[in-house]
Amino acid sequence: MAKNDQLIICEHCDCVFEKVTLAKHQKTLCTRCGGVLQRYNGLTLQQRLALTVTALMLWMFANFYPVMSISLQGLKNSATLWDSVVALSLGPITFIALVAAISMIIAPIIQLILLIWVLSFALNRQRSPGFSFCMRWLETLRPWSMLEVCLLGAMVAVIKLAGLLDVLPGIGLFALAILSLMMIRIAGRDIRDLWDDL
């Protein structure tokens, strides 16, 4: 019988499989439901930590610099992600503002802080204090972090408004685009390999 640390459970149908070593660009699929069990992750701990710190800097740019600036007949205005959440909260759909704040701002920053915490200890081959709590929250927050949806919405807004107003994409939009890709790479992929490494 296989040892427990060599087993993997499908998160979709609870079928149990033995782990395999993957080559570049490979992934394993559940034979019962077709869900992804493992993905190859070629990043070392140092690379993952460096990308996470970079993503944290990009998060700051994306949240505190304008996503876009618009002007019409000499009047200019710019908006950040925070401004969009505040604008939503002033209308009748305050609940949507809360969901937007969680998915665009709160969930990504918590993910990044937890990853930096776990990875900084992992460099010394140690489990961080509260390791299992952090890993569970990283898995819980993964579906809530929807930066790519926010990016798509911002791109649609820029394209739609460009026909009516003078629209200039801001630093925040470019930071958001790069941050979305980085979050998919460092937090959207399988982070369960940290359990095995530590």
N, C-alpha and C. Protein backbone atom coordinates (compact mmCIF):
# COMPACT_ATOMS: atom_id res chain seq x y z
N MET A 1 0.84 -1.19 0.00
CA MET A 1 0.00 0.00 0.00
C MET A 1 0.88 1.24 0.00
N ALA A 2 0.45 2.27 -0.71
CA ALA A 2 1.22 3.50 -0.82
C ALA A 2 1.15 4.29 0.48
N LYS A 3 2.23 5.06 0.74
CA LYS A 3 2.23 5.94 1.90
C LYS A 3 1.28 7.11 1.64
N ASN A 4 0.79 7.70 2.73
CA ASN A 4 -0.17 8.80 2.59
C ASN A 4 0.41 10.00 1.86
N ASP A 5 1.71 10.28 2.04
CA ASP A 5 2.28 11.46 1.40
C ASP A 5 2.46 11.28 -0.10
N GLN A 6 2.27 10.09 -0.60
CA GLN A 6 2.35 9.83 -2.04
C GLN A 6 0.98 9.72 -2.69
N LEU A 7 -0.07 10.06 -1.95
CA LEU A 7 -1.42 9.98 -2.48
C LEU A 7 -1.95 11.39 -2.74
N ILE A 8 -2.82 11.48 -3.72
CA ILE A 8 -3.49 12.74 -4.01
C ILE A 8 -4.97 12.46 -4.20
N ILE A 9 -5.80 13.34 -3.66
CA ILE A 9 -7.25 13.17 -3.73
C ILE A 9 -7.81 14.21 -4.69
N CYS A 10 -8.64 13.76 -5.59
CA CYS A 10 -9.30 14.68 -6.53
C CYS A 10 -10.25 15.57 -5.75
N GLU A 11 -10.11 16.87 -5.92
CA GLU A 11 -10.96 17.81 -5.17
C GLU A 11 -12.37 17.88 -5.71
N HIS A 12 -12.62 17.25 -6.86
CA HIS A 12 -13.95 17.28 -7.46
C HIS A 12 -14.78 16.04 -7.13
N CYS A 13 -14.12 14.86 -7.11
CA CYS A 13 -14.92 13.63 -6.90
C CYS A 13 -14.36 12.73 -5.78
N ASP A 14 -13.30 13.17 -5.10
CA ASP A 14 -12.70 12.46 -3.96
C ASP A 14 -12.08 11.11 -4.33
N CYS A 15 -11.77 10.90 -5.59
CA CYS A 15 -11.08 9.68 -6.01
C CYS A 15 -9.60 9.80 -5.59
N VAL A 16 -8.98 8.72 -5.16
CA VAL A 16 -7.61 8.75 -4.64
C VAL A 16 -6.66 8.14 -5.68
N PHE A 17 -5.53 8.82 -5.88
CA PHE A 17 -4.52 8.38 -6.85
C PHE A 17 -3.14 8.48 -6.23
N GLU A 18 -2.18 7.79 -6.83
CA GLU A 18 -0.78 7.95 -6.45
C GLU A 18 -0.20 9.13 -7.20
N LYS A 19 0.63 9.91 -6.52
CA LYS A 19 1.29 11.03 -7.17
C LYS A 19 2.35 10.51 -8.13
N VAL A 20 2.56 11.27 -9.19
CA VAL A 20 3.61 10.94 -10.15
C VAL A 20 4.49 12.17 -10.33
N THR A 21 5.72 11.94 -10.78
CA THR A 21 6.62 13.04 -11.08
C THR A 21 6.31 13.54 -12.48
N LEU A 22 6.10 14.83 -12.61
CA LEU A 22 5.70 15.40 -13.88
C LEU A 22 6.88 16.07 -14.58
N ALA A 23 6.86 16.00 -15.90
CA ALA A 23 7.84 16.72 -16.71
C ALA A 23 7.24 18.08 -17.08
N LYS A 24 8.04 18.90 -17.76
CA LYS A 24 7.61 20.23 -18.14
C LYS A 24 6.35 20.17 -19.00
N HIS A 25 5.40 21.04 -18.70
CA HIS A 25 4.12 21.19 -19.41
C HIS A 25 3.18 20.00 -19.22
N GLN A 26 3.44 19.13 -18.27
CA GLN A 26 2.55 17.99 -18.04
C GLN A 26 1.59 18.29 -16.88
N LYS A 27 0.47 17.58 -16.91
CA LYS A 27 -0.47 17.62 -15.80
C LYS A 27 -1.13 16.25 -15.73
N THR A 28 -1.64 15.91 -14.54
CA THR A 28 -2.36 14.66 -14.39
C THR A 28 -3.84 14.96 -14.21
N LEU A 29 -4.66 14.11 -14.80
CA LEU A 29 -6.12 14.28 -14.75
C LEU A 29 -6.75 13.10 -14.04
N CYS A 30 -7.85 13.37 -13.37
CA CYS A 30 -8.63 12.31 -12.72
C CYS A 30 -9.28 11.45 -13.79
N THR A 31 -9.15 10.13 -13.64
CA THR A 31 -9.75 9.22 -14.63
C THR A 31 -11.27 9.14 -14.49
N ARG A 32 -11.77 9.53 -13.31
CA ARG A 32 -13.22 9.46 -13.10
C ARG A 32 -13.94 10.71 -13.62
N CYS A 33 -13.46 11.90 -13.23
CA CYS A 33 -14.19 13.12 -13.58
C CYS A 33 -13.43 14.05 -14.53
N GLY A 34 -12.16 13.78 -14.76
CA GLY A 34 -11.38 14.61 -15.67
C GLY A 34 -10.81 15.86 -15.03
N GLY A 35 -10.97 16.03 -13.71
CA GLY A 35 -10.42 17.20 -13.02
C GLY A 35 -8.90 17.15 -12.96
N VAL A 36 -8.28 18.31 -12.88
CA VAL A 36 -6.81 18.38 -12.81
C VAL A 36 -6.35 18.01 -11.41
N LEU A 37 -5.46 17.02 -11.33
CA LEU A 37 -4.92 16.58 -10.05
C LEU A 37 -3.61 17.29 -9.73
N GLN A 38 -2.72 17.35 -10.70
CA GLN A 38 -1.41 17.97 -10.51
C GLN A 38 -1.04 18.72 -11.77
N ARG A 39 -0.25 19.79 -11.59
CA ARG A 39 0.34 20.51 -12.71
C ARG A 39 1.84 20.62 -12.45
N TYR A 40 2.59 20.62 -13.52
CA TYR A 40 4.03 20.84 -13.37
C TYR A 40 4.26 22.29 -12.98
N ASN A 41 5.07 22.50 -11.97
CA ASN A 41 5.42 23.85 -11.54
C ASN A 41 6.94 23.94 -11.51
N GLY A 42 7.51 24.59 -12.49
CA GLY A 42 8.96 24.65 -12.62
C GLY A 42 9.62 25.72 -11.78
N LEU A 43 8.88 26.40 -10.93
CA LEU A 43 9.47 27.48 -10.13
C LEU A 43 10.13 26.93 -8.87
N THR A 44 11.30 27.46 -8.57
CA THR A 44 11.95 27.15 -7.30
C THR A 44 11.31 28.03 -6.22
N LEU A 45 11.62 27.75 -4.96
CA LEU A 45 11.07 28.56 -3.87
C LEU A 45 11.54 30.01 -3.97
N GLN A 46 12.82 30.20 -4.35
CA GLN A 46 13.35 31.56 -4.50
C GLN A 46 12.63 32.32 -5.61
N GLN A 47 12.39 31.64 -6.74
CA GLN A 47 11.69 32.29 -7.84
C GLN A 47 10.25 32.63 -7.46
N ARG A 48 9.62 31.72 -6.77
CA ARG A 48 8.23 31.95 -6.37
C ARG A 48 8.14 33.11 -5.38
N LEU A 49 9.08 33.19 -4.44
CA LEU A 49 9.08 34.30 -3.49
C LEU A 49 9.36 35.62 -4.19
N ALA A 50 10.31 35.63 -5.13
CA ALA A 50 10.63 36.85 -5.87
C ALA A 50 9.42 37.33 -6.69
N LEU A 51 8.73 36.40 -7.33
CA LEU A 51 7.54 36.77 -8.10
C LEU A 51 6.42 37.28 -7.19
N THR A 52 6.31 36.70 -6.00
CA THR A 52 5.28 37.14 -5.06
C THR A 52 5.55 38.55 -4.56
N VAL A 53 6.80 38.86 -4.25
CA VAL A 53 7.15 40.21 -3.81
C VAL A 53 6.91 41.21 -4.95
N THR A 54 7.27 40.81 -6.17
CA THR A 54 7.01 41.66 -7.33
C THR A 54 5.51 41.89 -7.51
N ALA A 55 4.73 40.83 -7.34
CA ALA A 55 3.27 40.95 -7.45
C ALA A 55 2.72 41.89 -6.38
N LEU A 56 3.30 41.88 -5.20
CA LEU A 56 2.86 42.80 -4.14
C LEU A 56 3.10 44.25 -4.55
N MET A 57 4.25 44.52 -5.17
CA MET A 57 4.53 45.87 -5.66
C MET A 57 3.54 46.26 -6.76
N LEU A 58 3.25 45.33 -7.65
CA LEU A 58 2.28 45.59 -8.72
C LEU A 58 0.88 45.84 -8.15
N TRP A 59 0.53 45.11 -7.07
CA TRP A 59 -0.76 45.32 -6.43
C TRP A 59 -0.87 46.77 -5.94
N MET A 60 0.23 47.28 -5.39
CA MET A 60 0.21 48.67 -4.91
C MET A 60 0.01 49.65 -6.07
N PHE A 61 0.72 49.41 -7.18
CA PHE A 61 0.54 50.27 -8.35
C PHE A 61 -0.89 50.17 -8.88
N ALA A 62 -1.43 48.95 -8.95
CA ALA A 62 -2.77 48.75 -9.50
C ALA A 62 -3.85 49.39 -8.64
N ASN A 63 -3.60 49.50 -7.35
CA ASN A 63 -4.62 50.02 -6.44
C ASN A 63 -4.51 51.51 -6.14
N PHE A 64 -3.32 52.08 -6.29
CA PHE A 64 -3.14 53.47 -5.90
C PHE A 64 -2.85 54.41 -7.07
N TYR A 65 -2.71 53.86 -8.27
CA TYR A 65 -2.54 54.68 -9.46
C TYR A 65 -3.78 54.55 -10.33
N PRO A 66 -4.09 55.57 -11.11
CA PRO A 66 -5.31 55.52 -11.93
C PRO A 66 -5.30 54.38 -12.94
N VAL A 67 -6.45 53.71 -13.05
CA VAL A 67 -6.62 52.67 -14.05
C VAL A 67 -6.85 53.33 -15.41
N MET A 68 -7.59 54.42 -15.41
CA MET A 68 -7.79 55.18 -16.64
C MET A 68 -8.09 56.63 -16.30
N SER A 69 -7.78 57.48 -17.27
CA SER A 69 -8.10 58.90 -17.16
C SER A 69 -8.97 59.27 -18.35
N ILE A 70 -10.02 60.04 -18.11
CA ILE A 70 -10.90 60.46 -19.20
C ILE A 70 -10.97 61.98 -19.22
N SER A 71 -11.14 62.51 -20.40
CA SER A 71 -11.27 63.96 -20.52
C SER A 71 -12.29 64.30 -21.60
N LEU A 72 -13.01 65.37 -21.39
CA LEU A 72 -14.02 65.84 -22.34
C LEU A 72 -14.12 67.35 -22.23
N GLN A 73 -13.82 68.04 -23.29
CA GLN A 73 -13.90 69.50 -23.36
C GLN A 73 -13.16 70.17 -22.21
N GLY A 74 -11.97 69.72 -21.95
CA GLY A 74 -11.14 70.34 -20.93
C GLY A 74 -11.33 69.80 -19.53
N LEU A 75 -12.40 69.05 -19.29
CA LEU A 75 -12.61 68.45 -17.97
C LEU A 75 -11.92 67.10 -17.92
N LYS A 76 -11.15 66.86 -16.86
CA LYS A 76 -10.41 65.60 -16.74
C LYS A 76 -10.79 64.91 -15.45
N ASN A 77 -10.78 63.57 -15.50
CA ASN A 77 -11.06 62.78 -14.31
C ASN A 77 -10.30 61.46 -14.44
N SER A 78 -9.90 60.91 -13.33
CA SER A 78 -9.22 59.62 -13.33
C SER A 78 -9.84 58.75 -12.24
N ALA A 79 -9.69 57.44 -12.41
CA ALA A 79 -10.31 56.51 -11.46
C ALA A 79 -9.35 55.38 -11.12
N THR A 80 -9.32 55.03 -9.85
CA THR A 80 -8.55 53.87 -9.38
C THR A 80 -9.53 52.74 -9.08
N LEU A 81 -8.99 51.58 -8.71
CA LEU A 81 -9.86 50.47 -8.33
C LEU A 81 -10.70 50.83 -7.10
N TRP A 82 -10.09 51.54 -6.17
CA TRP A 82 -10.82 51.96 -4.97
C TRP A 82 -11.98 52.88 -5.33
N ASP A 83 -11.74 53.77 -6.31
CA ASP A 83 -12.81 54.68 -6.75
C ASP A 83 -13.99 53.90 -7.31
N SER A 84 -13.71 52.83 -8.04
CA SER A 84 -14.80 52.03 -8.61
C SER A 84 -15.62 51.34 -7.51
N VAL A 85 -14.94 50.89 -6.47
CA VAL A 85 -15.66 50.26 -5.36
C VAL A 85 -16.52 51.29 -4.62
N VAL A 86 -15.96 52.48 -4.40
CA VAL A 86 -16.71 53.54 -3.73
C VAL A 86 -17.91 53.95 -4.56
N ALA A 87 -17.75 54.06 -5.89
CA ALA A 87 -18.86 54.43 -6.77
C ALA A 87 -19.98 53.39 -6.73
N LEU A 88 -19.60 52.11 -6.68
CA LEU A 88 -20.61 51.06 -6.58
C LEU A 88 -21.34 51.11 -5.24
N SER A 89 -20.62 51.46 -4.18
CA SER A 89 -21.23 51.46 -2.85
C SER A 89 -22.24 52.60 -2.67
N LEU A 90 -22.14 53.64 -3.49
CA LEU A 90 -23.06 54.78 -3.35
C LEU A 90 -24.42 54.52 -3.99
N GLY A 91 -24.51 53.52 -4.84
CA GLY A 91 -25.77 53.22 -5.51
C GLY A 91 -26.58 52.19 -4.74
N PRO A 92 -27.62 51.66 -5.40
CA PRO A 92 -28.49 50.68 -4.73
C PRO A 92 -27.88 49.27 -4.67
N ILE A 93 -26.70 49.09 -5.25
CA ILE A 93 -26.11 47.74 -5.29
C ILE A 93 -24.86 47.68 -4.41
N THR A 94 -25.01 48.02 -3.15
CA THR A 94 -23.89 48.04 -2.21
C THR A 94 -23.27 46.66 -2.04
N PHE A 95 -24.08 45.62 -2.11
CA PHE A 95 -23.56 44.26 -1.98
C PHE A 95 -22.55 43.96 -3.09
N ILE A 96 -22.81 44.45 -4.31
CA ILE A 96 -21.88 44.25 -5.43
C ILE A 96 -20.56 44.96 -5.14
N ALA A 97 -20.61 46.10 -4.47
CA ALA A 97 -19.39 46.82 -4.10
C ALA A 97 -18.55 45.99 -3.15
N LEU A 98 -19.21 45.32 -2.22
CA LEU A 98 -18.49 44.45 -1.28
C LEU A 98 -17.83 43.28 -2.01
N VAL A 99 -18.57 42.65 -2.92
CA VAL A 99 -18.02 41.54 -3.69
C VAL A 99 -16.85 42.01 -4.56
N ALA A 100 -17.00 43.18 -5.17
CA ALA A 100 -15.93 43.74 -6.01
C ALA A 100 -14.69 44.04 -5.18
N ALA A 101 -14.89 44.60 -3.98
CA ALA A 101 -13.75 44.90 -3.11
C ALA A 101 -13.02 43.62 -2.70
N ILE A 102 -13.78 42.59 -2.38
CA ILE A 102 -13.17 41.32 -1.98
C ILE A 102 -12.40 40.70 -3.14
N SER A 103 -13.02 40.64 -4.32
CA SER A 103 -12.41 39.93 -5.44
C SER A 103 -11.28 40.70 -6.11
N MET A 104 -11.32 42.05 -6.08
CA MET A 104 -10.30 42.84 -6.77
C MET A 104 -9.19 43.33 -5.85
N ILE A 105 -9.50 43.52 -4.58
CA ILE A 105 -8.54 44.18 -3.70
C ILE A 105 -8.15 43.31 -2.50
N ILE A 106 -9.13 42.84 -1.75
CA ILE A 106 -8.85 42.18 -0.48
C ILE A 106 -8.28 40.77 -0.66
N ALA A 107 -8.94 39.93 -1.46
CA ALA A 107 -8.47 38.55 -1.65
C ALA A 107 -7.05 38.49 -2.23
N PRO A 108 -6.73 39.29 -3.27
CA PRO A 108 -5.35 39.23 -3.80
C PRO A 108 -4.29 39.65 -2.78
N ILE A 109 -4.56 40.70 -1.99
CA ILE A 109 -3.52 41.14 -1.04
C ILE A 109 -3.34 40.13 0.08
N ILE A 110 -4.42 39.50 0.52
CA ILE A 110 -4.29 38.47 1.56
C ILE A 110 -3.51 37.27 1.00
N GLN A 111 -3.81 36.89 -0.24
CA GLN A 111 -3.06 35.80 -0.87
C GLN A 111 -1.57 36.10 -0.92
N LEU A 112 -1.23 37.31 -1.34
CA LEU A 112 0.17 37.68 -1.48
C LEU A 112 0.88 37.70 -0.13
N ILE A 113 0.22 38.25 0.89
CA ILE A 113 0.83 38.29 2.23
C ILE A 113 1.04 36.88 2.77
N LEU A 114 0.03 36.03 2.61
CA LEU A 114 0.16 34.64 3.08
C LEU A 114 1.27 33.90 2.34
N LEU A 115 1.36 34.11 1.03
CA LEU A 115 2.41 33.45 0.26
C LEU A 115 3.80 33.92 0.68
N ILE A 116 3.96 35.22 0.89
CA ILE A 116 5.26 35.74 1.34
C ILE A 116 5.61 35.15 2.69
N TRP A 117 4.64 35.07 3.58
CA TRP A 117 4.86 34.51 4.91
C TRP A 117 5.32 33.05 4.82
N VAL A 118 4.60 32.25 4.06
CA VAL A 118 4.91 30.82 3.94
C VAL A 118 6.24 30.61 3.23
N LEU A 119 6.46 31.33 2.13
CA LEU A 119 7.66 31.12 1.32
C LEU A 119 8.93 31.62 1.99
N SER A 120 8.81 32.69 2.79
CA SER A 120 10.02 33.19 3.47
C SER A 120 10.55 32.17 4.48
N PHE A 121 9.68 31.42 5.11
CA PHE A 121 10.12 30.35 6.00
C PHE A 121 10.55 29.12 5.19
N ALA A 122 9.89 28.89 4.08
CA ALA A 122 10.20 27.71 3.26
C ALA A 122 11.61 27.77 2.69
N LEU A 123 12.15 28.96 2.51
CA LEU A 123 13.53 29.08 2.00
C LEU A 123 14.52 28.41 2.94
N ASN A 124 14.22 28.41 4.24
CA ASN A 124 15.08 27.76 5.24
C ASN A 124 14.62 26.35 5.55
N ARG A 125 13.74 25.81 4.68
CA ARG A 125 13.20 24.45 4.86
C ARG A 125 12.46 24.32 6.19
N GLN A 126 11.73 25.36 6.56
CA GLN A 126 10.94 25.34 7.78
C GLN A 126 9.49 25.63 7.44
N ARG A 127 8.61 25.08 8.25
CA ARG A 127 7.20 25.45 8.14
C ARG A 127 6.99 26.74 8.92
N SER A 128 6.25 27.64 8.32
CA SER A 128 5.98 28.91 9.00
C SER A 128 5.01 28.67 10.15
N PRO A 129 5.02 29.54 11.15
CA PRO A 129 3.97 29.44 12.18
C PRO A 129 2.60 29.60 11.51
N GLY A 130 1.68 28.72 11.85
CA GLY A 130 0.35 28.74 11.25
C GLY A 130 0.34 28.26 9.81
N PHE A 131 1.27 27.37 9.46
CA PHE A 131 1.42 26.91 8.07
C PHE A 131 0.13 26.31 7.52
N SER A 132 -0.47 25.39 8.26
CA SER A 132 -1.68 24.74 7.74
C SER A 132 -2.84 25.74 7.62
N PHE A 133 -2.94 26.69 8.54
CA PHE A 133 -3.96 27.75 8.46
C PHE A 133 -3.75 28.59 7.20
N CYS A 134 -2.50 28.97 6.94
CA CYS A 134 -2.18 29.78 5.76
C CYS A 134 -2.49 29.03 4.47
N MET A 135 -2.12 27.75 4.42
CA MET A 135 -2.34 26.97 3.20
C MET A 135 -3.83 26.78 2.94
N ARG A 136 -4.59 26.56 4.00
CA ARG A 136 -6.04 26.41 3.81
C ARG A 136 -6.67 27.71 3.30
N TRP A 137 -6.22 28.84 3.82
CA TRP A 137 -6.76 30.11 3.38
C TRP A 137 -6.33 30.43 1.95
N LEU A 138 -5.12 30.01 1.58
CA LEU A 138 -4.69 30.22 0.19
C LEU A 138 -5.59 29.45 -0.77
N GLU A 139 -5.95 28.24 -0.40
CA GLU A 139 -6.87 27.45 -1.25
C GLU A 139 -8.28 28.05 -1.25
N THR A 140 -8.71 28.57 -0.09
CA THR A 140 -10.05 29.15 0.02
C THR A 140 -10.16 30.44 -0.80
N LEU A 141 -9.11 31.23 -0.79
CA LEU A 141 -9.15 32.53 -1.46
C LEU A 141 -8.95 32.44 -2.97
N ARG A 142 -8.42 31.32 -3.45
CA ARG A 142 -8.10 31.21 -4.87
C ARG A 142 -9.30 31.51 -5.78
N PRO A 143 -10.48 30.94 -5.53
CA PRO A 143 -11.60 31.28 -6.42
C PRO A 143 -12.13 32.70 -6.25
N TRP A 144 -11.83 33.34 -5.12
CA TRP A 144 -12.34 34.68 -4.86
C TRP A 144 -11.49 35.76 -5.52
N SER A 145 -10.26 35.46 -5.84
CA SER A 145 -9.38 36.44 -6.46
C SER A 145 -9.67 36.47 -7.96
N MET A 146 -10.32 37.54 -8.41
CA MET A 146 -10.75 37.61 -9.81
C MET A 146 -10.20 38.86 -10.49
N LEU A 147 -8.90 39.02 -10.44
CA LEU A 147 -8.28 40.18 -11.06
C LEU A 147 -8.45 40.17 -12.57
N GLU A 148 -8.43 38.96 -13.16
CA GLU A 148 -8.56 38.89 -14.62
C GLU A 148 -9.94 39.36 -15.08
N VAL A 149 -10.98 39.13 -14.25
CA VAL A 149 -12.32 39.62 -14.58
C VAL A 149 -12.34 41.14 -14.49
N CYS A 150 -11.70 41.68 -13.48
CA CYS A 150 -11.60 43.13 -13.32
C CYS A 150 -10.85 43.74 -14.50
N LEU A 151 -9.76 43.09 -14.91
CA LEU A 151 -8.99 43.58 -16.05
C LEU A 151 -9.83 43.59 -17.32
N LEU A 152 -10.58 42.52 -17.53
CA LEU A 152 -11.44 42.45 -18.71
C LEU A 152 -12.48 43.57 -18.69
N GLY A 153 -13.08 43.82 -17.53
CA GLY A 153 -14.05 44.90 -17.40
C GLY A 153 -13.43 46.26 -17.68
N ALA A 154 -12.21 46.48 -17.18
CA ALA A 154 -11.53 47.76 -17.41
C ALA A 154 -11.20 47.93 -18.90
N MET A 155 -10.78 46.85 -19.55
CA MET A 155 -10.46 46.92 -20.98
C MET A 155 -11.71 47.23 -21.80
N VAL A 156 -12.83 46.59 -21.45
CA VAL A 156 -14.09 46.86 -22.15
C VAL A 156 -14.50 48.32 -21.95
N ALA A 157 -14.35 48.82 -20.73
CA ALA A 157 -14.71 50.22 -20.45
C ALA A 157 -13.84 51.18 -21.26
N VAL A 158 -12.54 50.90 -21.35
CA VAL A 158 -11.64 51.75 -22.12
C VAL A 158 -12.06 51.77 -23.59
N ILE A 159 -12.35 50.59 -24.14
CA ILE A 159 -12.72 50.50 -25.56
C ILE A 159 -14.07 51.19 -25.82
N LYS A 160 -15.05 50.97 -24.93
CA LYS A 160 -16.37 51.58 -25.12
C LYS A 160 -16.31 53.10 -24.99
N LEU A 161 -15.56 53.59 -24.01
CA LEU A 161 -15.50 55.03 -23.79
C LEU A 161 -14.63 55.75 -24.81
N ALA A 162 -13.72 55.02 -25.45
CA ALA A 162 -12.80 55.65 -26.40
C ALA A 162 -13.55 56.31 -27.55
N GLY A 163 -14.73 55.80 -27.93
CA GLY A 163 -15.51 56.40 -29.00
C GLY A 163 -16.22 57.68 -28.59
N LEU A 164 -16.39 57.88 -27.29
CA LEU A 164 -17.14 59.03 -26.80
C LEU A 164 -16.27 60.11 -26.17
N LEU A 165 -15.21 59.68 -25.50
CA LEU A 165 -14.35 60.59 -24.74
C LEU A 165 -12.89 60.33 -25.09
N ASP A 166 -12.04 61.23 -24.61
CA ASP A 166 -10.60 60.97 -24.73
C ASP A 166 -10.21 60.11 -23.53
N VAL A 167 -9.83 58.87 -23.79
CA VAL A 167 -9.51 57.92 -22.73
C VAL A 167 -8.02 57.59 -22.79
N LEU A 168 -7.38 57.68 -21.64
CA LEU A 168 -5.96 57.35 -21.55
C LEU A 168 -5.78 56.26 -20.51
N PRO A 169 -5.34 55.05 -20.91
CA PRO A 169 -5.08 54.00 -19.91
C PRO A 169 -3.99 54.47 -18.95
N GLY A 170 -4.20 54.18 -17.67
CA GLY A 170 -3.26 54.63 -16.67
C GLY A 170 -2.27 53.55 -16.25
N ILE A 171 -1.36 53.95 -15.38
CA ILE A 171 -0.35 53.01 -14.86
C ILE A 171 -1.05 51.85 -14.15
N GLY A 172 -2.16 52.14 -13.48
CA GLY A 172 -2.89 51.11 -12.76
C GLY A 172 -3.39 50.00 -13.66
N LEU A 173 -3.79 50.34 -14.89
CA LEU A 173 -4.29 49.33 -15.82
C LEU A 173 -3.17 48.39 -16.26
N PHE A 174 -2.01 48.97 -16.56
CA PHE A 174 -0.87 48.13 -16.96
C PHE A 174 -0.39 47.26 -15.81
N ALA A 175 -0.37 47.84 -14.60
CA ALA A 175 0.01 47.05 -13.42
C ALA A 175 -0.99 45.94 -13.17
N LEU A 176 -2.27 46.23 -13.36
CA LEU A 176 -3.33 45.24 -13.17
C LEU A 176 -3.18 44.09 -14.17
N ALA A 177 -2.84 44.42 -15.42
CA ALA A 177 -2.66 43.39 -16.44
C ALA A 177 -1.52 42.44 -16.07
N ILE A 178 -0.39 43.00 -15.68
CA ILE A 178 0.76 42.17 -15.33
C ILE A 178 0.48 41.40 -14.04
N LEU A 179 -0.17 42.07 -13.07
CA LEU A 179 -0.51 41.41 -11.80
C LEU A 179 -1.44 40.23 -12.03
N SER A 180 -2.41 40.37 -12.93
CA SER A 180 -3.33 39.26 -13.21
C SER A 180 -2.59 38.03 -13.71
N LEU A 181 -1.65 38.24 -14.61
CA LEU A 181 -0.86 37.12 -15.13
C LEU A 181 0.01 36.50 -14.04
N MET A 182 0.59 37.36 -13.20
CA MET A 182 1.46 36.84 -12.14
C MET A 182 0.67 36.08 -11.09
N MET A 183 -0.52 36.55 -10.76
CA MET A 183 -1.34 35.85 -9.77
C MET A 183 -1.74 34.47 -10.27
N ILE A 184 -2.02 34.36 -11.56
CA ILE A 184 -2.33 33.05 -12.13
C ILE A 184 -1.12 32.13 -12.00
N ARG A 185 0.06 32.67 -12.20
CA ARG A 185 1.29 31.86 -12.16
C ARG A 185 1.66 31.44 -10.74
N ILE A 186 1.54 32.36 -9.78
CA ILE A 186 2.05 32.03 -8.44
C ILE A 186 0.98 31.56 -7.47
N ALA A 187 -0.27 32.02 -7.62
CA ALA A 187 -1.30 31.65 -6.66
C ALA A 187 -2.45 30.88 -7.29
N GLY A 188 -2.63 31.04 -8.58
CA GLY A 188 -3.72 30.34 -9.25
C GLY A 188 -3.38 28.91 -9.60
N ARG A 189 -2.10 28.61 -9.65
CA ARG A 189 -1.68 27.24 -9.94
C ARG A 189 -1.67 26.43 -8.66
N ASP A 190 -1.28 25.20 -8.81
CA ASP A 190 -1.30 24.30 -7.67
C ASP A 190 -0.24 24.71 -6.65
N ILE A 191 -0.67 25.08 -5.45
CA ILE A 191 0.29 25.41 -4.39
C ILE A 191 0.43 24.26 -3.40
N ARG A 192 -0.23 23.14 -3.71
CA ARG A 192 -0.18 22.02 -2.78
C ARG A 192 1.21 21.40 -2.69
N ASP A 193 2.07 21.68 -3.68
CA ASP A 193 3.42 21.11 -3.62
C ASP A 193 4.21 21.64 -2.44
N LEU A 194 3.78 22.78 -1.87
CA LEU A 194 4.44 23.29 -0.65
C LEU A 194 4.24 22.35 0.52
N TRP A 195 3.08 21.67 0.55
CA TRP A 195 2.85 20.68 1.61
C TRP A 195 3.92 19.60 1.53
N ASP A 196 4.20 19.12 0.32
CA ASP A 196 5.17 18.05 0.13
C ASP A 196 6.59 18.51 0.42
N ASP A 197 6.92 19.73 -0.03
CA ASP A 197 8.28 20.24 0.15
C ASP A 197 8.62 20.45 1.63
N LEU A 198 7.61 20.77 2.43
CA LEU A 198 7.86 21.09 3.83
C LEU A 198 7.38 20.00 4.77
